[in-house]
Protein backbone atom coordinates (compact mmCIF):
# COMPACT_ATOMS: atom_id res chain seq x y z
CA MET A 1 61.54 36.91 26.79
CA ILE A 2 64.40 34.74 25.55
CA ILE A 3 64.15 31.05 24.75
CA SER A 4 67.44 29.20 24.83
CA THR A 5 67.71 25.61 23.71
CA PRO A 6 70.35 23.21 22.42
CA CYS A 7 69.99 22.69 18.69
CA PHE A 8 68.77 19.13 18.76
CA THR A 9 72.18 17.46 18.83
CA ASP A 10 71.57 15.09 21.70
CA LYS A 11 67.80 15.00 22.33
CA THR A 12 64.47 14.96 20.58
CA PRO A 13 63.12 18.54 20.48
CA ASP A 14 59.57 19.33 21.46
CA TYR A 15 57.19 20.34 18.66
CA GLN A 16 57.35 24.10 19.33
CA ASN A 17 61.13 24.24 19.16
CA LEU A 18 61.17 22.02 16.10
CA SER A 19 58.75 24.38 14.36
CA ILE A 20 60.92 27.41 15.20
CA TYR A 21 64.07 25.58 14.08
CA GLU A 22 62.52 24.46 10.79
CA SER A 23 61.26 27.99 10.07
CA LEU A 24 64.67 29.52 10.73
CA LYS A 25 66.39 26.98 8.47
CA GLN A 26 64.27 28.28 5.60
CA ILE A 27 65.59 31.85 5.80
CA ALA A 28 67.45 32.10 2.50
CA GLY A 29 70.66 33.94 1.77
CA PHE A 30 72.38 33.71 5.15
CA ASP A 31 75.59 31.84 5.83
CA ILE A 32 75.28 30.83 9.46
CA PRO A 33 78.45 29.25 10.90
CA THR A 34 78.36 25.98 12.82
CA TYR A 35 76.28 26.35 15.99
CA ASP A 36 74.98 24.14 18.78
CA GLN A 37 72.49 26.50 20.45
CA ILE A 38 70.04 29.24 19.48
CA ASP A 39 68.65 31.99 21.70
CA ILE A 40 65.40 33.56 20.50
CA ASP A 41 64.27 36.93 21.87
CA TYR A 42 60.68 38.07 21.26
CA TYR A 43 59.03 41.50 21.32
CA GLY A 44 57.15 41.61 24.63
CA SER A 45 54.40 39.02 24.81
CA THR A 46 53.95 38.81 21.01
CA ASN A 47 55.05 35.96 18.77
CA ASN A 48 57.23 38.39 16.78
CA ILE A 49 60.93 37.54 16.98
CA TYR A 50 63.27 40.41 17.88
CA SER A 51 66.54 38.52 17.40
CA VAL A 52 67.97 35.05 16.99
CA GLN A 53 71.47 34.48 18.32
CA TYR A 54 73.42 31.45 17.13
CA LEU A 55 76.07 30.16 19.54
CA ASN A 56 78.76 27.51 19.36
CA GLY A 57 80.11 26.38 22.72
CA GLY A 58 78.42 29.39 24.33
CA VAL A 59 80.17 31.85 21.98
CA PRO A 60 78.00 33.88 19.56
CA VAL A 61 78.73 33.13 15.88
CA ALA A 62 75.86 35.09 14.27
CA THR A 63 72.83 37.19 15.21
CA LEU A 64 69.71 37.78 13.13
CA MET A 65 67.82 41.00 13.84
CA ILE A 66 64.25 41.40 12.55
CA THR A 67 62.48 44.73 11.93
CA TYR A 68 58.73 44.79 11.33
CA MET A 69 56.45 47.08 9.32
CA VAL A 70 55.14 48.38 12.66
CA ASN A 71 58.19 48.53 14.90
CA PRO A 72 58.10 47.58 17.67
CA PRO A 73 55.20 45.25 16.91
CA ILE A 74 52.41 45.16 19.48
CA VAL A 75 50.25 42.43 17.91
CA ASN A 76 51.08 38.90 16.79
CA ASP A 77 52.09 38.07 13.22
CA GLU A 78 53.25 41.55 12.20
CA ARG A 79 54.72 41.77 8.69
CA ILE A 80 58.52 41.68 8.45
CA ALA A 81 60.25 44.67 6.82
CA VAL A 82 63.96 43.84 7.24
CA VAL A 83 66.05 40.85 8.31
CA GLN A 84 69.70 41.58 9.06
CA ILE A 85 72.54 39.25 10.07
CA ASP A 86 75.57 40.32 12.09
CA TYR A 87 78.73 38.33 12.71
CA PRO A 88 80.89 39.02 15.80
């Protein structure tokens, strides 16, 4: 499942998207270029994020990949082992 949403530049986000956005802003140590959209891909029906792609004008500028202690996770709220960022 992928959720794609503009990054709150021209509308008030709903609470769920705001929560996701605020959580992602708190990931320290990453230099994410200017973006206007994020696409979030989850593992199956869990709440565990597989990847977060940052786009600017529809063009990817960075992608976060998340690996969990049990990978792939099959239950919600699995512990994160590795977070990696890739730039195109």
